[in-house]
Amino acid sequence: MAISAKAKAAHHLMTVVLILSSVVFFKRYGIALATLSGYALASQIFLIYFNRKTFVSNI
């Protein structure tokens, strides 16, 4: 399955735009946002881990 050159270019462009905008956003709103997203990520990972443990013990 070959991905067309246009699709690849569009994907690269979107990635670059996403990275740039997130860098700008981070420079503006910085540490509080990073802390929030880090906390959200950590809680998400904890939930997944906890659910997996519960799931395994239920079997």
PDB file of N, CA and C in Angstrom:
ATOM      1  N   MET A   1       0.831  -1.201   0.000  1.00  0.00           N
ATOM      2  CA  MET A   1       0.000   0.000   0.000  1.00  0.00           C
ATOM      3  C   MET A   1       0.868   1.254   0.000  1.00  0.00           C
ATOM      4  N   ALA A   2       0.969   1.868  -1.148  1.00  0.00           N
ATOM      5  CA  ALA A   2       1.782   3.074  -1.261  1.00  0.00           C
ATOM      6  C   ALA A   2       0.948   4.297  -0.901  1.00  0.00           C
ATOM      7  N   ILE A   3       1.502   5.105  -0.015  1.00  0.00           N
ATOM      8  CA  ILE A   3       0.838   6.358   0.335  1.00  0.00           C
ATOM      9  C   ILE A   3       1.268   7.407  -0.681  1.00  0.00           C
ATOM     10  N   SER A   4       0.318   8.146  -1.212  1.00  0.00           N
ATOM     11  CA  SER A   4       0.638   9.133  -2.239  1.00  0.00           C
ATOM     12  C   SER A   4       1.530  10.233  -1.674  1.00  0.00           C
ATOM     13  N   ALA A   5       2.290  10.855  -2.583  1.00  0.00           N
ATOM     14  CA  ALA A   5       3.213  11.918  -2.184  1.00  0.00           C
ATOM     15  C   ALA A   5       2.455  13.089  -1.566  1.00  0.00           C
ATOM     16  N   LYS A   6       1.271  13.363  -2.111  1.00  0.00           N
ATOM     17  CA  LYS A   6       0.463  14.470  -1.582  1.00  0.00           C
ATOM     18  C   LYS A   6       0.056  14.200  -0.143  1.00  0.00           C
ATOM     19  N   ALA A   7      -0.369  12.976   0.111  1.00  0.00           N
ATOM     20  CA  ALA A   7      -0.794  12.621   1.460  1.00  0.00           C
ATOM     21  C   ALA A   7       0.380  12.706   2.430  1.00  0.00           C
ATOM     22  N   LYS A   8       1.543  12.240   1.981  1.00  0.00           N
ATOM     23  CA  LYS A   8       2.743  12.311   2.819  1.00  0.00           C
ATOM     24  C   LYS A   8       3.090  13.754   3.129  1.00  0.00           C
ATOM     25  N   ALA A   9       3.076  14.600   2.097  1.00  0.00           N
ATOM     26  CA  ALA A   9       3.407  16.012   2.271  1.00  0.00           C
ATOM     27  C   ALA A   9       2.424  16.680   3.226  1.00  0.00           C
ATOM     28  N   ALA A  10       1.150  16.357   3.053  1.00  0.00           N
ATOM     29  CA  ALA A  10       0.125  16.935   3.922  1.00  0.00           C
ATOM     30  C   ALA A  10       0.344  16.500   5.365  1.00  0.00           C
ATOM     31  N   HIS A  11       0.696  15.241   5.536  1.00  0.00           N
ATOM     32  CA  HIS A  11       0.932  14.719   6.881  1.00  0.00           C
ATOM     33  C   HIS A  11       2.122  15.406   7.528  1.00  0.00           C
ATOM     34  N   HIS A  12       3.217  15.564   6.748  1.00  0.00           N
ATOM     35  CA  HIS A  12       4.402  16.253   7.263  1.00  0.00           C
ATOM     36  C   HIS A  12       4.063  17.687   7.635  1.00  0.00           C
ATOM     37  N   LEU A  13       3.303  18.344   6.766  1.00  0.00           N
ATOM     38  CA  LEU A  13       2.926  19.731   7.001  1.00  0.00           C
ATOM     39  C   LEU A  13       2.109  19.846   8.283  1.00  0.00           C
ATOM     40  N   MET A  14       1.150  18.948   8.442  1.00  0.00           N
ATOM     41  CA  MET A  14       0.310  18.965   9.636  1.00  0.00           C
ATOM     42  C   MET A  14       1.142  18.733  10.893  1.00  0.00           C
ATOM     43  N   THR A  15       2.096  17.809  10.786  1.00  0.00           N
ATOM     44  CA  THR A  15       2.960  17.517  11.929  1.00  0.00           C
ATOM     45  C   THR A  15       3.775  18.741  12.314  1.00  0.00           C
ATOM     46  N   VAL A  16       4.368  19.391  11.298  1.00  0.00           N
ATOM     47  CA  VAL A  16       5.181  20.587  11.548  1.00  0.00           C
ATOM     48  C   VAL A  16       4.333  21.690  12.168  1.00  0.00           C
ATOM     49  N   VAL A  17       3.143  21.898  11.599  1.00  0.00           N
ATOM     50  CA  VAL A  17       2.240  22.932  12.122  1.00  0.00           C
ATOM     51  C   VAL A  17       1.862  22.628  13.567  1.00  0.00           C
ATOM     52  N   LEU A  18       1.572  21.376  13.825  1.00  0.00           N
ATOM     53  CA  LEU A  18       1.197  20.956  15.170  1.00  0.00           C
ATOM     54  C   LEU A  18       2.331  21.218  16.160  1.00  0.00           C
ATOM     55  N   ILE A  19       3.552  20.835  15.770  1.00  0.00           N
ATOM     56  CA  ILE A  19       4.717  21.030  16.637  1.00  0.00           C
ATOM     57  C   ILE A  19       4.950  22.513  16.892  1.00  0.00           C
ATOM     58  N   LEU A  20       4.923  23.307  15.808  1.00  0.00           N
ATOM     59  CA  LEU A  20       5.157  24.744  15.940  1.00  0.00           C
ATOM     60  C   LEU A  20       4.117  25.396  16.836  1.00  0.00           C
ATOM     61  N   SER A  21       2.857  25.061  16.608  1.00  0.00           N
ATOM     62  CA  SER A  21       1.794  25.682  17.397  1.00  0.00           C
ATOM     63  C   SER A  21       1.890  25.270  18.862  1.00  0.00           C
ATOM     64  N   SER A  22       2.284  24.026  19.102  1.00  0.00           N
ATOM     65  CA  SER A  22       2.407  23.588  20.487  1.00  0.00           C
ATOM     66  C   SER A  22       3.595  24.266  21.168  1.00  0.00           C
ATOM     67  N   VAL A  23       4.663  24.526  20.397  1.00  0.00           N
ATOM     68  CA  VAL A  23       5.817  25.245  20.951  1.00  0.00           C
ATOM     69  C   VAL A  23       5.412  26.669  21.329  1.00  0.00           C
ATOM     70  N   VAL A  24       4.697  27.336  20.419  1.00  0.00           N
ATOM     71  CA  VAL A  24       4.229  28.699  20.688  1.00  0.00           C
ATOM     72  C   VAL A  24       3.304  28.708  21.903  1.00  0.00           C
ATOM     73  N   PHE A  25       2.392  27.755  21.921  1.00  0.00           N
ATOM     74  CA  PHE A  25       1.437  27.626  23.015  1.00  0.00           C
ATOM     75  C   PHE A  25       2.169  27.410  24.334  1.00  0.00           C
ATOM     76  N   PHE A  26       3.179  26.555  24.296  1.00  0.00           N
ATOM     77  CA  PHE A  26       3.946  26.253  25.501  1.00  0.00           C
ATOM     78  C   PHE A  26       4.693  27.482  25.992  1.00  0.00           C
ATOM     79  N   LYS A  27       5.261  28.252  25.040  1.00  0.00           N
ATOM     80  CA  LYS A  27       5.982  29.465  25.426  1.00  0.00           C
ATOM     81  C   LYS A  27       5.034  30.458  26.082  1.00  0.00           C
ATOM     82  N   ARG A  28       3.789  30.491  25.594  1.00  0.00           N
ATOM     83  CA  ARG A  28       2.816  31.436  26.148  1.00  0.00           C
ATOM     84  C   ARG A  28       2.331  30.986  27.515  1.00  0.00           C
ATOM     85  N   TYR A  29       1.863  29.735  27.591  1.00  0.00           N
ATOM     86  CA  TYR A  29       1.149  29.309  28.796  1.00  0.00           C
ATOM     87  C   TYR A  29       1.971  28.403  29.697  1.00  0.00           C
ATOM     88  N   GLY A  30       3.056  27.900  29.102  1.00  0.00           N
ATOM     89  CA  GLY A  30       4.147  27.269  29.822  1.00  0.00           C
ATOM     90  C   GLY A  30       3.840  26.222  30.873  1.00  0.00           C
ATOM     91  N   ILE A  31       4.387  26.496  32.062  1.00  0.00           N
ATOM     92  CA  ILE A  31       4.596  25.451  33.052  1.00  0.00           C
ATOM     93  C   ILE A  31       3.280  24.895  33.609  1.00  0.00           C
ATOM     94  N   ALA A  32       2.309  25.776  33.830  1.00  0.00           N
ATOM     95  CA  ALA A  32       1.040  25.323  34.403  1.00  0.00           C
ATOM     96  C   ALA A  32       0.397  24.272  33.512  1.00  0.00           C
ATOM     97  N   LEU A  33       0.440  24.540  32.204  1.00  0.00           N
ATOM     98  CA  LEU A  33      -0.162  23.626  31.245  1.00  0.00           C
ATOM     99  C   LEU A  33       0.586  22.297  31.226  1.00  0.00           C
ATOM    100  N   ALA A  34       1.910  22.371  31.251  1.00  0.00           N
ATOM    101  CA  ALA A  34       2.730  21.163  31.242  1.00  0.00           C
ATOM    102  C   ALA A  34       2.434  20.322  32.480  1.00  0.00           C
ATOM    103  N   THR A  35       2.291  20.992  33.610  1.00  0.00           N
ATOM    104  CA  THR A  35       1.984  20.293  34.850  1.00  0.00           C
ATOM    105  C   THR A  35       0.630  19.610  34.753  1.00  0.00           C
ATOM    106  N   LEU A  36      -0.351  20.354  34.216  1.00  0.00           N
ATOM    107  CA  LEU A  36      -1.698  19.799  34.066  1.00  0.00           C
ATOM    108  C   LEU A  36      -1.701  18.579  33.164  1.00  0.00           C
ATOM    109  N   SER A  37      -1.044  18.703  31.998  1.00  0.00           N
ATOM    110  CA  SER A  37      -1.048  17.588  31.053  1.00  0.00           C
ATOM    111  C   SER A  37      -0.264  16.409  31.616  1.00  0.00           C
ATOM    112  N   GLY A  38       0.807  16.698  32.325  1.00  0.00           N
ATOM    113  CA  GLY A  38       1.582  15.646  32.960  1.00  0.00           C
ATOM    114  C   GLY A  38       0.756  14.901  33.995  1.00  0.00           C
ATOM    115  N   TYR A  39      -0.009  15.665  34.767  1.00  0.00           N
ATOM    116  CA  TYR A  39      -0.884  15.071  35.776  1.00  0.00           C
ATOM    117  C   TYR A  39      -1.961  14.216  35.126  1.00  0.00           C
ATOM    118  N   ALA A  40      -2.540  14.746  34.038  1.00  0.00           N
ATOM    119  CA  ALA A  40      -3.579  14.010  33.319  1.00  0.00           C
ATOM    120  C   ALA A  40      -3.022  12.698  32.770  1.00  0.00           C
ATOM    121  N   LEU A  41      -1.823  12.781  32.193  1.00  0.00           N
ATOM    122  CA  LEU A  41      -1.184  11.602  31.623  1.00  0.00           C
ATOM    123  C   LEU A  41      -0.908  10.568  32.709  1.00  0.00           C
ATOM    124  N   ALA A  42      -0.386  11.036  33.830  1.00  0.00           N
ATOM    125  CA  ALA A  42      -0.061  10.132  34.933  1.00  0.00           C
ATOM    126  C   ALA A  42      -1.314   9.431  35.452  1.00  0.00           C
ATOM    127  N   SER A  43      -2.394  10.199  35.607  1.00  0.00           N
ATOM    128  CA  SER A  43      -3.628   9.593  36.114  1.00  0.00           C
ATOM    129  C   SER A  43      -4.201   8.598  35.109  1.00  0.00           C
ATOM    130  N   GLN A  44      -4.041   8.928  33.825  1.00  0.00           N
ATOM    131  CA  GLN A  44      -4.510   8.029  32.771  1.00  0.00           C
ATOM    132  C   GLN A  44      -3.755   6.698  32.840  1.00  0.00           C
ATOM    133  N   ILE A  45      -2.433   6.785  32.950  1.00  0.00           N
ATOM    134  CA  ILE A  45      -1.590   5.587  33.026  1.00  0.00           C
ATOM    135  C   ILE A  45      -1.955   4.772  34.268  1.00  0.00           C
ATOM    136  N   PHE A  46      -2.151   5.473  35.379  1.00  0.00           N
ATOM    137  CA  PHE A  46      -2.526   4.799  36.619  1.00  0.00           C
ATOM    138  C   PHE A  46      -3.847   4.059  36.452  1.00  0.00           C
ATOM    139  N   LEU A  47      -4.820   4.733  35.814  1.00  0.00           N
ATOM    140  CA  LEU A  47      -6.130   4.117  35.594  1.00  0.00           C
ATOM    141  C   LEU A  47      -6.011   2.860  34.753  1.00  0.00           C
ATOM    142  N   ILE A  48      -5.230   2.944  33.676  1.00  0.00           N
ATOM    143  CA  ILE A  48      -5.044   1.792  32.791  1.00  0.00           C
ATOM    144  C   ILE A  48      -4.406   0.638  33.569  1.00  0.00           C
ATOM    145  N   TYR A  49      -3.360   0.966  34.335  1.00  0.00           N
ATOM    146  CA  TYR A  49      -2.657  -0.043  35.122  1.00  0.00           C
ATOM    147  C   TYR A  49      -3.601  -0.683  36.137  1.00  0.00           C
ATOM    148  N   PHE A  50      -4.352   0.160  36.826  1.00  0.00           N
ATOM    149  CA  PHE A  50      -5.286  -0.306  37.847  1.00  0.00           C
ATOM    150  C   PHE A  50      -6.364  -1.193  37.229  1.00  0.00           C
ATOM    151  N   ASN A  51      -6.918  -0.755  36.102  1.00  0.00           N
ATOM    152  CA  ASN A  51      -7.955  -1.532  35.421  1.00  0.00           C
ATOM    153  C   ASN A  51      -7.417  -2.880  34.972  1.00  0.00           C
ATOM    154  N   ARG A  52      -6.194  -2.899  34.480  1.00  0.00           N
ATOM    155  CA  ARG A  52      -5.595  -4.144  34.013  1.00  0.00           C
ATOM    156  C   ARG A  52      -5.440  -5.107  35.187  1.00  0.00           C
ATOM    157  N   LYS A  53      -4.972  -4.594  36.317  1.00  0.00           N
ATOM    158  CA  LYS A  53      -4.810  -5.443  37.501  1.00  0.00           C
ATOM    159  C   LYS A  53      -6.146  -6.028  37.931  1.00  0.00           C
ATOM    160  N   THR A  54      -7.168  -5.172  37.965  1.00  0.00           N
ATOM    161  CA  THR A  54      -8.499  -5.616  38.356  1.00  0.00           C
ATOM    162  C   THR A  54      -9.014  -6.654  37.370  1.00  0.00           C
ATOM    163  N   PHE A  55      -8.789  -6.363  36.093  1.00  0.00           N
ATOM    164  CA  PHE A  55      -9.243  -7.248  35.032  1.00  0.00           C
ATOM    165  C   PHE A  55      -8.596  -8.628  35.170  1.00  0.00           C
ATOM    166  N   VAL A  56      -7.308  -8.639  35.413  1.00  0.00           N
ATOM    167  CA  VAL A  56      -6.578  -9.903  35.544  1.00  0.00           C
ATOM    168  C   VAL A  56      -7.069 -10.670  36.769  1.00  0.00           C
ATOM    169  N   SER A  57      -7.303  -9.961  37.862  1.00  0.00           N
ATOM    170  CA  SER A  57      -7.734 -10.642  39.084  1.00  0.00           C
ATOM    171  C   SER A  57      -9.167 -11.160  38.969  1.00  0.00           C
ATOM    172  N   ASN A  58      -9.953 -10.575  38.068  1.00  0.00           N
ATOM    173  CA  ASN A  58     -11.336 -11.031  37.876  1.00  0.00           C
ATOM    174  C   ASN A  58     -11.418 -12.335  37.102  1.00  0.00           C
ATOM    175  N   ILE A  59     -10.418 -12.607  36.288  1.00  0.00           N
ATOM    176  CA  ILE A  59     -10.453 -13.804  35.447  1.00  0.00           C
ATOM    177  C   ILE A  59     -10.220 -15.061  36.287  1.00  0.00           C
TER     178      ILE A  59
END
